Amino acid sequence: PFDIKEVRQAIAYGINKQQILDAIFYGEGEVAYGPYRKADWAYNPDIEYSYDPEKSKQLLKDAGFVDSDGDGILEKDGKKLEFDLIYPSSNAERKDIAIASKSDLEKIGINLNPVGKSWDEIDYNYLHSNAFAYSWGTAFDPDDINYKLWNSQFIDQGWWNPATYSNPEVDKLLNEGRTTSDKDKRKDIYGQIQKYLADDEPVVFIVFSNYIYAFSDKISGIEPRNGPHGYGSNGALTGELWWNIDKWDVKE
């Protein structure tokens, strides 16, 4: 069913992202509408939208889905609107997101079945042929990570472009963004990319979560900033708290 844009859009409108943020992440983070956080200079606020299950229902109706047998699950051409959502069984947050999404989507006539699998059972070939609870982080430059996430040349290139997304206009803009030095022009370019992603919904963006750190009040000079996906040696040494560690000072 994900070949139908209205289905992807309906899922995006039908998941209560704020509730997921509040219940699973204790409000530590922000709702996601695209690949950039609000603090990122390339962020486009025009892509924001509200949780709207009634709009979801209308989108699905417009796409030809009906509940012909009264069981609460929509169907089209004899096929039920249902799918498995795979998540890594070792990740409690993604499990909870899958369960919450199931509850939300039931209200609009979609049957989501959460399925936990070990990482030994998951590889990128499996990922590309199933609905998957995926995660990645923000980037220090809007080109970083996102160039390979949305560019069609990276389809079937390992873990990149998990949605097998192909939009010639986005490919063109991605190339312009990384070959343009003027920041205002780049902001416009990545703003356009976000509009395409918000309309196409190749993935359903849900939340950005915050990392929580405790540190001594004897330390000064800490300047938190958005960090990439992961922590420790997997990213936080160049983001979040640690990026300017050479500027820190410690009181004796």
C-alpha atoms as a PDB file:
ATOM      1  CA  PRO A   1       0.000   0.000   0.000  1.00  0.00           C
ATOM      2  CA  PHE A   2       2.971   2.355   0.416  1.00  0.00           C
ATOM      3  CA  ASP A   3       3.122   2.934  -3.337  1.00  0.00           C
ATOM      4  CA  ILE A   4       0.007   5.086  -2.830  1.00  0.00           C
ATOM      5  CA  LYS A   5       0.955   8.586  -1.667  1.00  0.00           C
ATOM      6  CA  GLU A   6      -2.362   9.137   0.101  1.00  0.00           C
ATOM      7  CA  VAL A   7      -1.661   6.102   2.299  1.00  0.00           C
ATOM      8  CA  ARG A   8       1.713   7.512   3.335  1.00  0.00           C
ATOM      9  CA  GLN A   9       0.159  10.906   3.998  1.00  0.00           C
ATOM     10  CA  ALA A  10      -2.718   9.381   5.956  1.00  0.00           C
ATOM     11  CA  ILE A  11      -0.302   7.523   8.219  1.00  0.00           C
ATOM     12  CA  ALA A  12       1.631  10.737   8.843  1.00  0.00           C
ATOM     13  CA  TYR A  13      -1.520  12.636   9.826  1.00  0.00           C
ATOM     14  CA  GLY A  14      -2.899   9.673  11.753  1.00  0.00           C
ATOM     15  CA  ILE A  15      -0.033   9.165  14.227  1.00  0.00           C
ATOM     16  CA  ASN A  16      -0.202  11.321  17.337  1.00  0.00           C
ATOM     17  CA  LYS A  17       3.439  12.379  17.420  1.00  0.00           C
ATOM     18  CA  GLN A  18       3.108  14.737  20.365  1.00  0.00           C
ATOM     19  CA  GLN A  19       1.595  11.979  22.479  1.00  0.00           C
ATOM     20  CA  ILE A  20       4.475   9.678  21.546  1.00  0.00           C
ATOM     21  CA  LEU A  21       6.962  12.379  22.503  1.00  0.00           C
ATOM     22  CA  ASP A  22       5.248  13.030  25.835  1.00  0.00           C
ATOM     23  CA  ALA A  23       4.579   9.409  26.821  1.00  0.00           C
ATOM     24  CA  ILE A  24       7.679   7.613  25.548  1.00  0.00           C
ATOM     25  CA  PHE A  25      10.321  10.336  25.726  1.00  0.00           C
ATOM     26  CA  TYR A  26       8.845  12.295  28.664  1.00  0.00           C
ATOM     27  CA  GLY A  27       8.641  15.365  26.443  1.00  0.00           C
ATOM     28  CA  GLU A  28      12.419  15.436  25.963  1.00  0.00           C
ATOM     29  CA  GLY A  29      12.698  16.282  22.308  1.00  0.00           C
ATOM     30  CA  GLU A  30      10.429  17.659  19.600  1.00  0.00           C
ATOM     31  CA  VAL A  31       7.924  16.457  17.034  1.00  0.00           C
ATOM     32  CA  ALA A  32       9.523  15.785  13.642  1.00  0.00           C
ATOM     33  CA  TYR A  33       8.048  16.879  10.323  1.00  0.00           C
ATOM     34  CA  GLY A  34      11.147  16.343   8.214  1.00  0.00           C
ATOM     35  CA  PRO A  35      14.849  15.536   8.512  1.00  0.00           C
ATOM     36  CA  TYR A  36      15.869  18.736  10.340  1.00  0.00           C
ATOM     37  CA  ARG A  37      15.262  19.988  13.856  1.00  0.00           C
ATOM     38  CA  LYS A  38      13.831  23.434  14.490  1.00  0.00           C
ATOM     39  CA  ALA A  39      17.205  24.697  15.717  1.00  0.00           C
ATOM     40  CA  ASP A  40      18.860  23.798  12.404  1.00  0.00           C
ATOM     41  CA  TRP A  41      19.453  26.840  10.213  1.00  0.00           C
ATOM     42  CA  ALA A  42      18.003  25.042   7.185  1.00  0.00           C
ATOM     43  CA  TYR A  43      14.700  24.180   8.910  1.00  0.00           C
ATOM     44  CA  ASN A  44      11.524  25.118   7.022  1.00  0.00           C
ATOM     45  CA  PRO A  45       8.587  25.783   9.410  1.00  0.00           C
ATOM     46  CA  ASP A  46       6.112  25.741   6.515  1.00  0.00           C
ATOM     47  CA  ILE A  47       6.128  21.929   6.515  1.00  0.00           C
ATOM     48  CA  GLU A  48       4.594  21.607   9.992  1.00  0.00           C
ATOM     49  CA  TYR A  49       1.133  20.059  10.326  1.00  0.00           C
ATOM     50  CA  SER A  50      -1.187  18.891  13.099  1.00  0.00           C
ATOM     51  CA  TYR A  51      -2.343  15.438  14.138  1.00  0.00           C
ATOM     52  CA  ASP A  52      -5.550  15.024  12.138  1.00  0.00           C
ATOM     53  CA  PRO A  53      -7.153  11.551  11.962  1.00  0.00           C
ATOM     54  CA  GLU A  54     -10.183  12.938  10.139  1.00  0.00           C
ATOM     55  CA  LYS A  55      -7.935  14.156   7.337  1.00  0.00           C
ATOM     56  CA  SER A  56      -6.344  10.701   7.296  1.00  0.00           C
ATOM     57  CA  LYS A  57      -9.733   9.098   6.790  1.00  0.00           C
ATOM     58  CA  GLN A  58     -10.539  11.494   3.949  1.00  0.00           C
ATOM     59  CA  LEU A  59      -7.213  10.822   2.224  1.00  0.00           C
ATOM     60  CA  LEU A  60      -7.840   7.078   2.373  1.00  0.00           C
ATOM     61  CA  LYS A  61     -11.385   7.522   1.114  1.00  0.00           C
ATOM     62  CA  ASP A  62     -10.121   9.633  -1.784  1.00  0.00           C
ATOM     63  CA  ALA A  63      -7.631   6.868  -2.603  1.00  0.00           C
ATOM     64  CA  GLY A  64     -10.468   4.352  -2.891  1.00  0.00           C
ATOM     65  CA  PHE A  65     -10.220   2.516   0.424  1.00  0.00           C
ATOM     66  CA  VAL A  66     -13.463   1.324   2.021  1.00  0.00           C
ATOM     67  CA  ASP A  67     -14.498  -0.933   4.894  1.00  0.00           C
ATOM     68  CA  SER A  68     -16.691  -3.268   2.866  1.00  0.00           C
ATOM     69  CA  ASP A  69     -17.156  -5.976   5.504  1.00  0.00           C
ATOM     70  CA  GLY A  70     -17.491  -3.765   8.576  1.00  0.00           C
ATOM     71  CA  ASP A  71     -14.485  -5.164  10.464  1.00  0.00           C
ATOM     72  CA  GLY A  72     -12.906  -1.736  10.905  1.00  0.00           C
ATOM     73  CA  ILE A  73     -10.040  -2.376   8.474  1.00  0.00           C
ATOM     74  CA  LEU A  74     -10.118  -0.584   5.137  1.00  0.00           C
ATOM     75  CA  GLU A  75      -9.509  -2.421   1.907  1.00  0.00           C
ATOM     76  CA  LYS A  76      -9.016  -1.806  -1.787  1.00  0.00           C
ATOM     77  CA  ASP A  77      -9.072  -4.242  -4.698  1.00  0.00           C
ATOM     78  CA  GLY A  78      -9.723  -7.070  -2.247  1.00  0.00           C
ATOM     79  CA  LYS A  79      -6.636  -6.322  -0.129  1.00  0.00           C
ATOM     80  CA  LYS A  80      -6.785  -5.268   3.504  1.00  0.00           C
ATOM     81  CA  LEU A  81      -4.894  -2.115   4.491  1.00  0.00           C
ATOM     82  CA  GLU A  82      -2.570  -3.832   6.923  1.00  0.00           C
ATOM     83  CA  PHE A  83       1.157  -4.342   7.347  1.00  0.00           C
ATOM     84  CA  ASP A  84       3.871  -5.493   9.737  1.00  0.00           C
ATOM     85  CA  LEU A  85       6.034  -2.800  11.313  1.00  0.00           C
ATOM     86  CA  ILE A  86       9.440  -4.288  12.082  1.00  0.00           C
ATOM     87  CA  TYR A  87      11.432  -2.872  14.991  1.00  0.00           C
ATOM     88  CA  PRO A  88      14.679  -3.963  16.679  1.00  0.00           C
ATOM     89  CA  SER A  89      13.564  -6.024  19.677  1.00  0.00           C
ATOM     90  CA  SER A  90      16.466  -4.667  21.725  1.00  0.00           C
ATOM     91  CA  ASN A  91      15.191  -1.080  21.396  1.00  0.00           C
ATOM     92  CA  ALA A  92      12.437  -0.288  23.907  1.00  0.00           C
ATOM     93  CA  GLU A  93      11.632   3.144  22.452  1.00  0.00           C
ATOM     94  CA  ARG A  94      11.026   1.849  18.961  1.00  0.00           C
ATOM     95  CA  LYS A  95       8.898  -0.972  20.343  1.00  0.00           C
ATOM     96  CA  ASP A  96       6.757   1.557  22.201  1.00  0.00           C
ATOM     97  CA  ILE A  97       6.509   3.748  19.091  1.00  0.00           C
ATOM     98  CA  ALA A  98       5.293   0.738  17.091  1.00  0.00           C
ATOM     99  CA  ILE A  99       2.654  -0.081  19.716  1.00  0.00           C
ATOM    100  CA  ALA A 100       1.491   3.540  19.938  1.00  0.00           C
ATOM    101  CA  SER A 101       1.307   3.779  16.144  1.00  0.00           C
ATOM    102  CA  LYS A 102      -0.796   0.617  16.030  1.00  0.00           C
ATOM    103  CA  SER A 103      -3.299   2.165  18.441  1.00  0.00           C
ATOM    104  CA  ASP A 104      -3.463   5.413  16.460  1.00  0.00           C
ATOM    105  CA  LEU A 105      -3.805   3.804  13.040  1.00  0.00           C
ATOM    106  CA  GLU A 106      -6.578   1.467  14.161  1.00  0.00           C
ATOM    107  CA  LYS A 107      -8.710   4.616  14.516  1.00  0.00           C
ATOM    108  CA  ILE A 108      -8.372   5.388  10.809  1.00  0.00           C
ATOM    109  CA  GLY A 109      -8.877   1.848   9.526  1.00  0.00           C
ATOM    110  CA  ILE A 110      -5.293   0.605   9.211  1.00  0.00           C
ATOM    111  CA  ASN A 111      -4.134  -2.599  10.888  1.00  0.00           C
ATOM    112  CA  LEU A 112      -0.478  -2.295  11.942  1.00  0.00           C
ATOM    113  CA  ASN A 113       1.153  -5.392  13.405  1.00  0.00           C
ATOM    114  CA  PRO A 114       4.303  -4.636  15.492  1.00  0.00           C
ATOM    115  CA  VAL A 115       6.994  -7.288  14.983  1.00  0.00           C
ATOM    116  CA  GLY A 116      10.209  -7.290  16.978  1.00  0.00           C
ATOM    117  CA  LYS A 117      13.300  -8.884  15.442  1.00  0.00           C
ATOM    118  CA  SER A 118      16.919  -9.146  16.533  1.00  0.00           C
ATOM    119  CA  TRP A 119      19.564  -7.279  14.563  1.00  0.00           C
ATOM    120  CA  ASP A 120      20.829 -10.674  13.396  1.00  0.00           C
ATOM    121  CA  GLU A 121      17.526 -11.062  11.572  1.00  0.00           C
ATOM    122  CA  ILE A 122      17.581  -7.573  10.055  1.00  0.00           C
ATOM    123  CA  ASP A 123      19.740  -6.466   7.150  1.00  0.00           C
ATOM    124  CA  TYR A 124      19.290  -3.649   4.675  1.00  0.00           C
ATOM    125  CA  ASN A 125      17.756  -5.918   2.017  1.00  0.00           C
ATOM    126  CA  TYR A 126      15.094  -6.926   4.526  1.00  0.00           C
ATOM    127  CA  LEU A 127      14.662  -3.297   5.535  1.00  0.00           C
ATOM    128  CA  HIS A 128      13.909  -2.121   1.995  1.00  0.00           C
ATOM    129  CA  SER A 129      11.070  -4.621   1.577  1.00  0.00           C
ATOM    130  CA  ASN A 130       9.285  -4.025   4.895  1.00  0.00           C
ATOM    131  CA  ALA A 131       7.945  -1.210   7.027  1.00  0.00           C
ATOM    132  CA  PHE A 132      10.660  -0.545   9.582  1.00  0.00           C
ATOM    133  CA  ALA A 133      11.030   1.666  12.651  1.00  0.00           C
ATOM    134  CA  TYR A 134      14.194   3.435  11.557  1.00  0.00           C
ATOM    135  CA  SER A 135      16.313   6.061  13.287  1.00  0.00           C
ATOM    136  CA  TRP A 136      19.012   8.519  12.352  1.00  0.00           C
ATOM    137  CA  GLY A 137      20.176  11.852  13.684  1.00  0.00           C
ATOM    138  CA  THR A 138      20.348  15.433  12.603  1.00  0.00           C
ATOM    139  CA  ALA A 139      23.456  16.768  10.932  1.00  0.00           C
ATOM    140  CA  PHE A 140      25.711  19.796  11.334  1.00  0.00           C
ATOM    141  CA  ASP A 141      25.260  20.646   7.672  1.00  0.00           C
ATOM    142  CA  PRO A 142      21.976  19.944   5.854  1.00  0.00           C
ATOM    143  CA  ASP A 143      23.837  18.026   3.151  1.00  0.00           C
ATOM    144  CA  ASP A 144      25.418  15.602   5.596  1.00  0.00           C
ATOM    145  CA  ILE A 145      23.539  12.274   5.879  1.00  0.00           C
ATOM    146  CA  ASN A 146      20.554  13.652   3.959  1.00  0.00           C
ATOM    147  CA  TYR A 147      22.315  13.556   0.600  1.00  0.00           C
ATOM    148  CA  LYS A 148      22.463   9.765   0.809  1.00  0.00           C
ATOM    149  CA  LEU A 149      19.112   9.349   2.540  1.00  0.00           C
ATOM    150  CA  TRP A 150      17.038  10.951  -0.246  1.00  0.00           C
ATOM    151  CA  ASN A 151      19.105  10.763  -3.429  1.00  0.00           C
ATOM    152  CA  SER A 152      17.884   8.084  -5.841  1.00  0.00           C
ATOM    153  CA  GLN A 153      21.431   7.083  -6.783  1.00  0.00           C
ATOM    154  CA  PHE A 154      21.735   5.477  -3.339  1.00  0.00           C
ATOM    155  CA  ILE A 155      18.796   3.120  -3.774  1.00  0.00           C
ATOM    156  CA  ASP A 156      20.006  -0.416  -3.002  1.00  0.00           C
ATOM    157  CA  GLN A 157      23.260   0.990  -1.631  1.00  0.00           C
ATOM    158  CA  GLY A 158      23.280  -0.640   1.784  1.00  0.00           C
ATOM    159  CA  TRP A 159      21.493   1.202   4.576  1.00  0.00           C
ATOM    160  CA  TRP A 160      21.211   4.439   2.615  1.00  0.00           C
ATOM    161  CA  ASN A 161      17.897   5.657   1.169  1.00  0.00           C
ATOM    162  CA  PRO A 162      15.834   3.243   3.279  1.00  0.00           C
ATOM    163  CA  ALA A 163      12.587   4.302   1.582  1.00  0.00           C
ATOM    164  CA  THR A 164      13.994   3.708  -1.932  1.00  0.00           C
ATOM    165  CA  TYR A 165      12.889   7.283  -2.573  1.00  0.00           C
ATOM    166  CA  SER A 166      13.166   8.646  -6.103  1.00  0.00           C
ATOM    167  CA  ASN A 167      12.229  12.206  -7.015  1.00  0.00           C
ATOM    168  CA  PRO A 168      14.215  13.863  -9.846  1.00  0.00           C
ATOM    169  CA  GLU A 169      13.550  17.349  -8.439  1.00  0.00           C
ATOM    170  CA  VAL A 170      14.922  16.342  -5.033  1.00  0.00           C
ATOM    171  CA  ASP A 171      17.979  14.763  -6.680  1.00  0.00           C
ATOM    172  CA  LYS A 172      18.589  18.034  -8.517  1.00  0.00           C
ATOM    173  CA  LEU A 173      18.166  20.155  -5.398  1.00  0.00           C
ATOM    174  CA  LEU A 174      20.432  17.894  -3.339  1.00  0.00           C
ATOM    175  CA  ASN A 175      23.191  18.360  -5.884  1.00  0.00           C
ATOM    176  CA  GLU A 176      22.617  22.118  -5.955  1.00  0.00           C
ATOM    177  CA  GLY A 177      22.725  22.286  -2.169  1.00  0.00           C
ATOM    178  CA  ARG A 178      26.139  20.701  -1.904  1.00  0.00           C
ATOM    179  CA  THR A 179      27.653  22.796  -4.705  1.00  0.00           C
ATOM    180  CA  THR A 180      26.335  26.183  -3.551  1.00  0.00           C
ATOM    181  CA  SER A 181      28.289  28.243  -1.030  1.00  0.00           C
ATOM    182  CA  ASP A 182      25.806  31.060  -0.356  1.00  0.00           C
ATOM    183  CA  LYS A 183      24.002  30.193   2.896  1.00  0.00           C
ATOM    184  CA  ASP A 184      20.754  32.005   2.018  1.00  0.00           C
ATOM    185  CA  LYS A 185      20.543  30.197  -1.313  1.00  0.00           C
ATOM    186  CA  ARG A 186      21.232  26.895   0.411  1.00  0.00           C
ATOM    187  CA  LYS A 187      18.525  27.605   2.971  1.00  0.00           C
ATOM    188  CA  ASP A 188      16.060  28.073   0.109  1.00  0.00           C
ATOM    189  CA  ILE A 189      17.252  24.883  -1.591  1.00  0.00           C
ATOM    190  CA  TYR A 190      16.873  22.747   1.530  1.00  0.00           C
ATOM    191  CA  GLY A 191      13.567  24.442   2.283  1.00  0.00           C
ATOM    192  CA  GLN A 192      12.294  23.214  -1.085  1.00  0.00           C
ATOM    193  CA  ILE A 193      13.603  19.717  -0.388  1.00  0.00           C
ATOM    194  CA  GLN A 194      11.667  19.650   2.879  1.00  0.00           C
ATOM    195  CA  LYS A 195       8.466  20.632   1.056  1.00  0.00           C
ATOM    196  CA  TYR A 196       8.875  17.730  -1.369  1.00  0.00           C
ATOM    197  CA  LEU A 197       9.530  15.313   1.494  1.00  0.00           C
ATOM    198  CA  ALA A 198       6.528  16.614   3.455  1.00  0.00           C
ATOM    199  CA  ASP A 199       4.295  16.039   0.432  1.00  0.00           C
ATOM    200  CA  ASP A 200       5.728  12.718  -0.749  1.00  0.00           C
ATOM    201  CA  GLU A 201       6.166  11.328   2.806  1.00  0.00           C
ATOM    202  CA  PRO A 202       8.691   8.676   1.764  1.00  0.00           C
ATOM    203  CA  VAL A 203       9.028   8.039   5.487  1.00  0.00           C
ATOM    204  CA  VAL A 204       6.807   9.144   8.363  1.00  0.00           C
ATOM    205  CA  PHE A 205       8.887  11.440  10.540  1.00  0.00           C
ATOM    206  CA  ILE A 206       7.863  11.080  14.187  1.00  0.00           C
ATOM    207  CA  VAL A 207      10.142  12.632  16.822  1.00  0.00           C
ATOM    208  CA  PHE A 208      13.617  13.909  17.551  1.00  0.00           C
ATOM    209  CA  SER A 209      14.665  12.806  21.015  1.00  0.00           C
ATOM    210  CA  ASN A 210      17.075  14.672  23.265  1.00  0.00           C
ATOM    211  CA  TYR A 211      20.044  13.124  25.018  1.00  0.00           C
ATOM    212  CA  ILE A 212      20.177  13.851  28.732  1.00  0.00           C
ATOM    213  CA  TYR A 213      23.523  14.443  30.443  1.00  0.00           C
ATOM    214  CA  ALA A 214      24.530  15.242  33.999  1.00  0.00           C
ATOM    215  CA  PHE A 215      27.714  17.217  34.562  1.00  0.00           C
ATOM    216  CA  SER A 216      29.440  18.962  37.440  1.00  0.00           C
ATOM    217  CA  ASP A 217      28.737  22.648  38.057  1.00  0.00           C
ATOM    218  CA  LYS A 218      32.505  23.040  38.361  1.00  0.00           C
ATOM    219  CA  ILE A 219      32.713  22.786  34.571  1.00  0.00           C
ATOM    220  CA  SER A 220      32.173  25.950  32.517  1.00  0.00           C
ATOM    221  CA  GLY A 221      32.207  26.539  28.774  1.00  0.00           C
ATOM    222  CA  ILE A 222      29.737  23.817  27.845  1.00  0.00           C
ATOM    223  CA  GLU A 223      27.648  24.824  24.823  1.00  0.00           C
ATOM    224  CA  PRO A 224      25.188  22.075  23.826  1.00  0.00           C
ATOM    225  CA  ARG A 225      24.225  21.792  20.177  1.00  0.00           C
ATOM    226  CA  ASN A 226      22.312  19.327  18.042  1.00  0.00           C
ATOM    227  CA  GLY A 227      24.167  16.074  17.718  1.00  0.00           C
ATOM    228  CA  PRO A 228      24.129  13.272  15.155  1.00  0.00           C
ATOM    229  CA  HIS A 229      22.548   9.852  15.538  1.00  0.00           C
ATOM    230  CA  GLY A 230      24.221   7.821  18.240  1.00  0.00           C
ATOM    231  CA  TYR A 231      26.335   8.639  21.232  1.00  0.00           C
ATOM    232  CA  GLY A 232      29.852   8.152  22.535  1.00  0.00           C
ATOM    233  CA  SER A 233      32.267   7.234  19.766  1.00  0.00           C
ATOM    234  CA  ASN A 234      29.322   6.989  17.340  1.00  0.00           C
ATOM    235  CA  GLY A 235      28.798  10.710  17.101  1.00  0.00           C
ATOM    236  CA  ALA A 236      28.559  12.616  20.346  1.00  0.00           C
ATOM    237  CA  LEU A 237      32.286  13.353  20.389  1.00  0.00           C
ATOM    238  CA  THR A 238      31.604  15.758  17.521  1.00  0.00           C
ATOM    239  CA  GLY A 239      28.250  17.033  18.746  1.00  0.00           C
ATOM    240  CA  GLU A 240      25.972  17.646  21.703  1.00  0.00           C
ATOM    241  CA  LEU A 241      28.205  18.437  24.702  1.00  0.00           C
ATOM    242  CA  TRP A 242      31.612  17.348  23.515  1.00  0.00           C
ATOM    243  CA  TRP A 243      32.249  19.284  20.332  1.00  0.00           C
ATOM    244  CA  ASN A 244      34.018  22.206  22.093  1.00  0.00           C
ATOM    245  CA  ILE A 245      35.654  20.301  24.926  1.00  0.00           C
ATOM    246  CA  ASP A 246      38.907  22.181  24.290  1.00  0.00           C
ATOM    247  CA  LYS A 247      37.123  25.327  25.527  1.00  0.00           C
ATOM    248  CA  TRP A 248      35.955  23.840  28.821  1.00  0.00           C
ATOM    249  CA  ASP A 249      37.320  25.035  32.131  1.00  0.00           C
ATOM    250  CA  VAL A 250      37.274  23.208  35.464  1.00  0.00           C
ATOM    251  CA  LYS A 251      37.223  24.941  38.832  1.00  0.00           C
ATOM    252  CA  GLU A 252      39.409  23.341  41.486  1.00  0.00           C
END
